Amino acid sequence: MKNLLLISGFLILSLASCKKDYVCECTITDKDEVIPDQIKTVTYNGKKDDVEGTCTAMSKKEDNIITTCIVK
């Protein structure tokens, strides 16, 4: 019984830390509407928390151009 619990616990922990492919979708918007909205996607392989941090860090605001990035 103890072995079964130990193996089950190990499997759960190993699945929780799996690396997967996540898509970071960035929408680029121009407030003055000179440039049409653009959507760019980048695929990252890693843990969800790490990918979310990387993707969110890509969001920025420069003059009239706003880039908003989210993990999908």
PDB file of N, CA and C in Angstrom:
ATOM      1  N   MET A   1       0.823  -1.191   0.000  1.00  0.00           N
ATOM      2  CA  MET A   1       0.000   0.000   0.000  1.00  0.00           C
ATOM      3  C   MET A   1       0.874   1.264   0.000  1.00  0.00           C
ATOM      4  N   LYS A   2       1.934   1.243   0.818  1.00  0.00           N
ATOM      5  CA  LYS A   2       2.829   2.399   0.870  1.00  0.00           C
ATOM      6  C   LYS A   2       3.519   2.620  -0.475  1.00  0.00           C
ATOM      7  N   ASN A   3       3.882   1.528  -1.134  1.00  0.00           N
ATOM      8  CA  ASN A   3       4.533   1.644  -2.436  1.00  0.00           C
ATOM      9  C   ASN A   3       3.592   2.271  -3.459  1.00  0.00           C
ATOM     10  N   LEU A   4       2.330   1.886  -3.405  1.00  0.00           N
ATOM     11  CA  LEU A   4       1.348   2.436  -4.333  1.00  0.00           C
ATOM     12  C   LEU A   4       1.176   3.937  -4.113  1.00  0.00           C
ATOM     13  N   LEU A   5       1.120   4.375  -2.867  1.00  0.00           N
ATOM     14  CA  LEU A   5       1.010   5.801  -2.558  1.00  0.00           C
ATOM     15  C   LEU A   5       2.257   6.560  -2.995  1.00  0.00           C
ATOM     16  N   LEU A   6       3.408   5.956  -2.782  1.00  0.00           N
ATOM     17  CA  LEU A   6       4.664   6.586  -3.164  1.00  0.00           C
ATOM     18  C   LEU A   6       4.754   6.748  -4.689  1.00  0.00           C
ATOM     19  N   ILE A   7       4.403   5.709  -5.405  1.00  0.00           N
ATOM     20  CA  ILE A   7       4.435   5.771  -6.871  1.00  0.00           C
ATOM     21  C   ILE A   7       3.406   6.771  -7.389  1.00  0.00           C
ATOM     22  N   SER A   8       2.200   6.776  -6.803  1.00  0.00           N
ATOM     23  CA  SER A   8       1.157   7.727  -7.218  1.00  0.00           C
ATOM     24  C   SER A   8       1.602   9.161  -6.979  1.00  0.00           C
ATOM     25  N   GLY A   9       2.201   9.421  -5.847  1.00  0.00           N
ATOM     26  CA  GLY A   9       2.695  10.761  -5.532  1.00  0.00           C
ATOM     27  C   GLY A   9       3.775  11.207  -6.501  1.00  0.00           C
ATOM     28  N   PHE A  10       4.671  10.316  -6.825  1.00  0.00           N
ATOM     29  CA  PHE A  10       5.736  10.630  -7.773  1.00  0.00           C
ATOM     30  C   PHE A  10       5.171  10.955  -9.154  1.00  0.00           C
ATOM     31  N   LEU A  11       4.195  10.177  -9.606  1.00  0.00           N
ATOM     32  CA  LEU A  11       3.583  10.417 -10.913  1.00  0.00           C
ATOM     33  C   LEU A  11       2.860  11.757 -10.958  1.00  0.00           C
ATOM     34  N   ILE A  12       2.169  12.097  -9.904  1.00  0.00           N
ATOM     35  CA  ILE A  12       1.451  13.375  -9.853  1.00  0.00           C
ATOM     36  C   ILE A  12       2.435  14.538  -9.897  1.00  0.00           C
ATOM     37  N   LEU A  13       3.510  14.452  -9.144  1.00  0.00           N
ATOM     38  CA  LEU A  13       4.512  15.520  -9.137  1.00  0.00           C
ATOM     39  C   LEU A  13       5.222  15.631 -10.477  1.00  0.00           C
ATOM     40  N   SER A  14       5.490  14.517 -11.110  1.00  0.00           N
ATOM     41  CA  SER A  14       6.185  14.574 -12.400  1.00  0.00           C
ATOM     42  C   SER A  14       5.283  15.161 -13.482  1.00  0.00           C
ATOM     43  N   LEU A  15       3.997  14.908 -13.422  1.00  0.00           N
ATOM     44  CA  LEU A  15       3.077  15.482 -14.402  1.00  0.00           C
ATOM     45  C   LEU A  15       2.855  16.972 -14.163  1.00  0.00           C
ATOM     46  N   ALA A  16       2.917  17.404 -12.928  1.00  0.00           N
ATOM     47  CA  ALA A  16       2.686  18.815 -12.605  1.00  0.00           C
ATOM     48  C   ALA A  16       3.805  19.702 -13.121  1.00  0.00           C
ATOM     49  N   SER A  17       4.986  19.160 -13.269  1.00  0.00           N
ATOM     50  CA  SER A  17       6.108  19.982 -13.716  1.00  0.00           C
ATOM     51  C   SER A  17       6.454  19.746 -15.183  1.00  0.00           C
ATOM     52  N   CYS A  18       5.527  19.191 -15.938  1.00  0.00           N
ATOM     53  CA  CYS A  18       5.782  18.919 -17.362  1.00  0.00           C
ATOM     54  C   CYS A  18       5.921  20.209 -18.155  1.00  0.00           C
ATOM     55  N   LYS A  19       6.768  20.132 -19.147  1.00  0.00           N
ATOM     56  CA  LYS A  19       6.890  21.244 -20.082  1.00  0.00           C
ATOM     57  C   LYS A  19       5.946  20.979 -21.237  1.00  0.00           C
ATOM     58  N   LYS A  20       5.232  22.011 -21.651  1.00  0.00           N
ATOM     59  CA  LYS A  20       4.284  21.905 -22.753  1.00  0.00           C
ATOM     60  C   LYS A  20       4.519  23.060 -23.703  1.00  0.00           C
ATOM     61  N   ASP A  21       3.864  23.007 -24.850  1.00  0.00           N
ATOM     62  CA  ASP A  21       3.888  24.118 -25.789  1.00  0.00           C
ATOM     63  C   ASP A  21       2.750  25.067 -25.456  1.00  0.00           C
ATOM     64  N   TYR A  22       3.066  26.335 -25.297  1.00  0.00           N
ATOM     65  CA  TYR A  22       2.071  27.375 -25.043  1.00  0.00           C
ATOM     66  C   TYR A  22       2.231  28.448 -26.113  1.00  0.00           C
ATOM     67  N   VAL A  23       1.113  29.041 -26.517  1.00  0.00           N
ATOM     68  CA  VAL A  23       1.134  30.076 -27.543  1.00  0.00           C
ATOM     69  C   VAL A  23       0.961  31.434 -26.883  1.00  0.00           C
ATOM     70  N   CYS A  24       1.894  32.326 -27.154  1.00  0.00           N
ATOM     71  CA  CYS A  24       1.836  33.708 -26.686  1.00  0.00           C
ATOM     72  C   CYS A  24       1.295  34.541 -27.852  1.00  0.00           C
ATOM     73  N   GLU A  25       0.127  35.144 -27.647  1.00  0.00           N
ATOM     74  CA  GLU A  25      -0.490  35.939 -28.710  1.00  0.00           C
ATOM     75  C   GLU A  25      -0.370  37.415 -28.359  1.00  0.00           C
ATOM     76  N   CYS A  26       0.254  38.174 -29.257  1.00  0.00           N
ATOM     77  CA  CYS A  26       0.448  39.602 -29.049  1.00  0.00           C
ATOM     78  C   CYS A  26      -0.395  40.389 -30.054  1.00  0.00           C
ATOM     79  N   THR A  27      -1.168  41.331 -29.537  1.00  0.00           N
ATOM     80  CA  THR A  27      -1.967  42.210 -30.378  1.00  0.00           C
ATOM     81  C   THR A  27      -1.311  43.581 -30.366  1.00  0.00           C
ATOM     82  N   ILE A  28      -0.990  44.081 -31.558  1.00  0.00           N
ATOM     83  CA  ILE A  28      -0.328  45.378 -31.694  1.00  0.00           C
ATOM     84  C   ILE A  28      -1.363  46.366 -32.222  1.00  0.00           C
ATOM     85  N   THR A  29      -1.638  47.407 -31.431  1.00  0.00           N
ATOM     86  CA  THR A  29      -2.680  48.370 -31.770  1.00  0.00           C
ATOM     87  C   THR A  29      -2.087  49.774 -31.872  1.00  0.00           C
ATOM     88  N   ASP A  30      -2.509  50.512 -32.874  1.00  0.00           N
ATOM     89  CA  ASP A  30      -2.093  51.902 -33.074  1.00  0.00           C
ATOM     90  C   ASP A  30      -3.275  52.796 -32.708  1.00  0.00           C
ATOM     91  N   LYS A  31      -3.104  53.650 -31.698  1.00  0.00           N
ATOM     92  CA  LYS A  31      -4.187  54.539 -31.259  1.00  0.00           C
ATOM     93  C   LYS A  31      -4.645  55.481 -32.371  1.00  0.00           C
ATOM     94  N   ASP A  32      -3.717  55.914 -33.217  1.00  0.00           N
ATOM     95  CA  ASP A  32      -4.062  56.843 -34.297  1.00  0.00           C
ATOM     96  C   ASP A  32      -4.634  56.125 -35.515  1.00  0.00           C
ATOM     97  N   GLU A  33      -4.654  54.806 -35.479  1.00  0.00           N
ATOM     98  CA  GLU A  33      -5.173  53.972 -36.561  1.00  0.00           C
ATOM     99  C   GLU A  33      -4.473  54.211 -37.897  1.00  0.00           C
ATOM    100  N   VAL A  34      -3.190  54.578 -37.847  1.00  0.00           N
ATOM    101  CA  VAL A  34      -2.385  54.722 -39.061  1.00  0.00           C
ATOM    102  C   VAL A  34      -1.988  53.330 -39.556  1.00  0.00           C
ATOM    103  N   ILE A  35      -1.638  52.479 -38.617  1.00  0.00           N
ATOM    104  CA  ILE A  35      -1.259  51.102 -38.928  1.00  0.00           C
ATOM    105  C   ILE A  35      -2.411  50.196 -38.471  1.00  0.00           C
ATOM    106  N   PRO A  36      -2.878  49.270 -39.308  1.00  0.00           N
ATOM    107  CA  PRO A  36      -3.954  48.365 -38.871  1.00  0.00           C
ATOM    108  C   PRO A  36      -3.472  47.445 -37.749  1.00  0.00           C
ATOM    109  N   ASP A  37      -4.417  46.984 -36.927  1.00  0.00           N
ATOM    110  CA  ASP A  37      -4.073  46.067 -35.840  1.00  0.00           C
ATOM    111  C   ASP A  37      -3.416  44.809 -36.394  1.00  0.00           C
ATOM    112  N   GLN A  38      -2.427  44.323 -35.662  1.00  0.00           N
ATOM    113  CA  GLN A  38      -1.716  43.113 -36.065  1.00  0.00           C
ATOM    114  C   GLN A  38      -1.729  42.132 -34.909  1.00  0.00           C
ATOM    115  N   ILE A  39      -1.801  40.862 -35.237  1.00  0.00           N
ATOM    116  CA  ILE A  39      -1.720  39.814 -34.223  1.00  0.00           C
ATOM    117  C   ILE A  39      -0.547  38.919 -34.585  1.00  0.00           C
ATOM    118  N   LYS A  40       0.360  38.752 -33.623  1.00  0.00           N
ATOM    119  CA  LYS A  40       1.519  37.888 -33.825  1.00  0.00           C
ATOM    120  C   LYS A  40       1.495  36.809 -32.755  1.00  0.00           C
ATOM    121  N   THR A  41       1.880  35.602 -33.134  1.00  0.00           N
ATOM    122  CA  THR A  41       1.930  34.507 -32.178  1.00  0.00           C
ATOM    123  C   THR A  41       3.333  33.922 -32.116  1.00  0.00           C
ATOM    124  N   VAL A  42       3.711  33.524 -30.912  1.00  0.00           N
ATOM    125  CA  VAL A  42       5.004  32.866 -30.683  1.00  0.00           C
ATOM    126  C   VAL A  42       4.716  31.649 -29.813  1.00  0.00           C
ATOM    127  N   THR A  43       5.277  30.498 -30.177  1.00  0.00           N
ATOM    128  CA  THR A  43       5.087  29.287 -29.392  1.00  0.00           C
ATOM    129  C   THR A  43       6.306  29.062 -28.508  1.00  0.00           C
ATOM    130  N   TYR A  44       6.045  28.869 -27.221  1.00  0.00           N
ATOM    131  CA  TYR A  44       7.105  28.598 -26.254  1.00  0.00           C
ATOM    132  C   TYR A  44       6.886  27.217 -25.655  1.00  0.00           C
ATOM    133  N   ASN A  45       7.973  26.524 -25.349  1.00  0.00           N
ATOM    134  CA  ASN A  45       7.911  25.245 -24.672  1.00  0.00           C
ATOM    135  C   ASN A  45       8.480  25.431 -23.288  1.00  0.00           C
ATOM    136  N   GLY A  46       7.668  25.152 -22.283  1.00  0.00           N
ATOM    137  CA  GLY A  46       8.136  25.305 -20.909  1.00  0.00           C
ATOM    138  C   GLY A  46       7.003  25.150 -19.930  1.00  0.00           C
ATOM    139  N   LYS A  47       7.268  25.495 -18.690  1.00  0.00           N
ATOM    140  CA  LYS A  47       6.237  25.459 -17.656  1.00  0.00           C
ATOM    141  C   LYS A  47       5.336  26.672 -17.833  1.00  0.00           C
ATOM    142  N   LYS A  48       4.067  26.510 -17.494  1.00  0.00           N
ATOM    143  CA  LYS A  48       3.086  27.564 -17.741  1.00  0.00           C
ATOM    144  C   LYS A  48       3.472  28.874 -17.052  1.00  0.00           C
ATOM    145  N   ASP A  49       3.908  28.822 -15.808  1.00  0.00           N
ATOM    146  CA  ASP A  49       4.276  30.048 -15.080  1.00  0.00           C
ATOM    147  C   ASP A  49       5.431  30.778 -15.761  1.00  0.00           C
ATOM    148  N   ASP A  50       6.423  30.022 -16.220  1.00  0.00           N
ATOM    149  CA  ASP A  50       7.574  30.634 -16.894  1.00  0.00           C
ATOM    150  C   ASP A  50       7.163  31.282 -18.214  1.00  0.00           C
ATOM    151  N   VAL A  51       6.322  30.576 -18.970  1.00  0.00           N
ATOM    152  CA  VAL A  51       5.874  31.098 -20.260  1.00  0.00           C
ATOM    153  C   VAL A  51       5.006  32.339 -20.063  1.00  0.00           C
ATOM    154  N   GLU A  52       4.125  32.320 -19.050  1.00  0.00           N
ATOM    155  CA  GLU A  52       3.286  33.495 -18.780  1.00  0.00           C
ATOM    156  C   GLU A  52       4.140  34.709 -18.445  1.00  0.00           C
ATOM    157  N   GLY A  53       5.187  34.518 -17.669  1.00  0.00           N
ATOM    158  CA  GLY A  53       6.080  35.622 -17.325  1.00  0.00           C
ATOM    159  C   GLY A  53       6.786  36.188 -18.540  1.00  0.00           C
ATOM    160  N   THR A  54       7.271  35.315 -19.403  1.00  0.00           N
ATOM    161  CA  THR A  54       7.956  35.741 -20.621  1.00  0.00           C
ATOM    162  C   THR A  54       6.999  36.467 -21.548  1.00  0.00           C
ATOM    163  N   CYS A  55       5.803  35.918 -21.698  1.00  0.00           N
ATOM    164  CA  CYS A  55       4.813  36.502 -22.599  1.00  0.00           C
ATOM    165  C   CYS A  55       4.350  37.866 -22.098  1.00  0.00           C
ATOM    166  N   THR A  56       4.047  37.969 -20.840  1.00  0.00           N
ATOM    167  CA  THR A  56       3.587  39.236 -20.261  1.00  0.00           C
ATOM    168  C   THR A  56       4.665  40.302 -20.354  1.00  0.00           C
ATOM    169  N   ALA A  57       5.922  39.906 -20.236  1.00  0.00           N
ATOM    170  CA  ALA A  57       7.029  40.857 -20.327  1.00  0.00           C
ATOM    171  C   ALA A  57       7.138  41.470 -21.726  1.00  0.00           C
ATOM    172  N   MET A  58       6.553  40.815 -22.719  1.00  0.00           N
ATOM    173  CA  MET A  58       6.601  41.334 -24.079  1.00  0.00           C
ATOM    174  C   MET A  58       5.582  42.460 -24.295  1.00  0.00           C
ATOM    175  N   SER A  59       4.634  42.614 -23.378  1.00  0.00           N
ATOM    176  CA  SER A  59       3.654  43.704 -23.480  1.00  0.00           C
ATOM    177  C   SER A  59       4.354  45.026 -23.219  1.00  0.00           C
ATOM    178  N   LYS A  60       4.027  46.034 -24.036  1.00  0.00           N
ATOM    179  CA  LYS A  60       4.661  47.334 -23.848  1.00  0.00           C
ATOM    180  C   LYS A  60       3.793  48.435 -24.450  1.00  0.00           C
ATOM    181  N   LYS A  61       4.144  49.666 -24.090  1.00  0.00           N
ATOM    182  CA  LYS A  61       3.421  50.830 -24.583  1.00  0.00           C
ATOM    183  C   LYS A  61       4.450  51.861 -25.024  1.00  0.00           C
ATOM    184  N   GLU A  62       4.446  52.199 -26.301  1.00  0.00           N
ATOM    185  CA  GLU A  62       5.375  53.192 -26.843  1.00  0.00           C
ATOM    186  C   GLU A  62       4.571  54.209 -27.646  1.00  0.00           C
ATOM    187  N   ASP A  63       4.601  55.443 -27.228  1.00  0.00           N
ATOM    188  CA  ASP A  63       3.857  56.513 -27.892  1.00  0.00           C
ATOM    189  C   ASP A  63       2.415  56.064 -28.139  1.00  0.00           C
ATOM    190  N   ASN A  64       2.046  55.900 -29.403  1.00  0.00           N
ATOM    191  CA  ASN A  64       0.676  55.510 -29.739  1.00  0.00           C
ATOM    192  C   ASN A  64       0.532  54.030 -30.055  1.00  0.00           C
ATOM    193  N   ILE A  65       1.611  53.278 -29.941  1.00  0.00           N
ATOM    194  CA  ILE A  65       1.585  51.828 -30.241  1.00  0.00           C
ATOM    195  C   ILE A  65       1.510  51.057 -28.925  1.00  0.00           C
ATOM    196  N   ILE A  66       0.499  50.204 -28.817  1.00  0.00           N
ATOM    197  CA  ILE A  66       0.314  49.383 -27.622  1.00  0.00           C
ATOM    198  C   ILE A  66       0.404  47.919 -28.021  1.00  0.00           C
ATOM    199  N   THR A  67       1.267  47.190 -27.357  1.00  0.00           N
ATOM    200  CA  THR A  67       1.405  45.753 -27.582  1.00  0.00           C
ATOM    201  C   THR A  67       0.917  45.032 -26.337  1.00  0.00           C
ATOM    202  N   THR A  68      -0.089  44.182 -26.503  1.00  0.00           N
ATOM    203  CA  THR A  68      -0.653  43.414 -25.396  1.00  0.00           C
ATOM    204  C   THR A  68      -0.463  41.931 -25.695  1.00  0.00           C
ATOM    205  N   CYS A  69       0.204  41.231 -24.783  1.00  0.00           N
ATOM    206  CA  CYS A  69       0.489  39.804 -24.994  1.00  0.00           C
ATOM    207  C   CYS A  69      -0.136  38.955 -23.896  1.00  0.00           C
ATOM    208  N   ILE A  70      -0.776  37.840 -24.309  1.00  0.00           N
ATOM    209  CA  ILE A  70      -1.370  36.906 -23.373  1.00  0.00           C
ATOM    210  C   ILE A  70      -1.096  35.482 -23.836  1.00  0.00           C
ATOM    211  N   VAL A  71      -1.109  34.550 -22.894  1.00  0.00           N
ATOM    212  CA  VAL A  71      -0.917  33.130 -23.198  1.00  0.00           C
ATOM    213  C   VAL A  71      -2.276  32.535 -23.525  1.00  0.00           C
ATOM    214  N   LYS A  72      -2.334  31.819 -24.618  1.00  0.00           N
ATOM    215  CA  LYS A  72      -3.586  31.159 -25.029  1.00  0.00           C
ATOM    216  C   LYS A  72      -3.410  29.668 -24.962  1.00  0.00           C
TER     217      LYS A  72
END
